[in-house]
């Protein structure tokens, strides 16, 4: 088709199917993502118009919208960017997993020393209403799966977001006063979960971990991360892991170097 015929074809398609993603260039090759300031090479795949039509249906217009905006409406480039986003998201899985496990075990260890193995059930820990609900949901889930509700099992079920929340200020405790995590969790226990970072405040610990919680959630829900500063995200994973264990930091760096 000539450019004029392509335009006429697209206009007819738009009348029949309002909101449809406009046709973009097919082919394969390199997508340069400005947000990463480097060339991103995706494996060759033939993106014909028919293929793009079918992928549009599979992935949905709403899902591709962010990628189309970044590629100025080019469907082929939008799909390549989607593939790249998926690949990079997968590359972050290992580092985030390593950090989450290190964080969970370090925090659980310190809280156990202070309030006992089932510290989450100890009123002296002063957990807020939200945290207690998450613990209860974890127990219910274990019972539903015919599993025990021993501390090790409960701890393994609690999400990354739960652990990050314990580094926040604390929320409401039902009808009682607001929780004070600074006094009940941080000073008596959780400060010791980061032994390799001197002069670390609760807020300084919470800030990067909350940003990484958002990254982890976006990856888990298959959302775009290509507009983030991914170099900074990776550095935060490595740095926070180093606060807990230099060995864990070195391990994460070794297995993600060059990705």
Foldseek 3Di string as FASTA:
>chain_A
DDPVVLVVVQVVVCVVPPPDQREADWWAFWDQQVLARDIDHDDTDTDDVVNLVVVCVVCDSVQLVVLCVRVVRHSNSSVRLLVVQLVVLVLVPVLVVLLLVLLLVLLCVQQCVVQNLPSLPGCLLQAAPVLVVQLVVQCVVCVVVVHDSGSVSSSVSRDLVSSLVLLDQAQHRPPDDTGGSQPRRCPRTVVRQQQQDPPAHSVNLNVLSVVLVVSNVCSVVSHGDSNPNVVVNSVSSLVSVVSRPPVSSVVSCVVSPPD
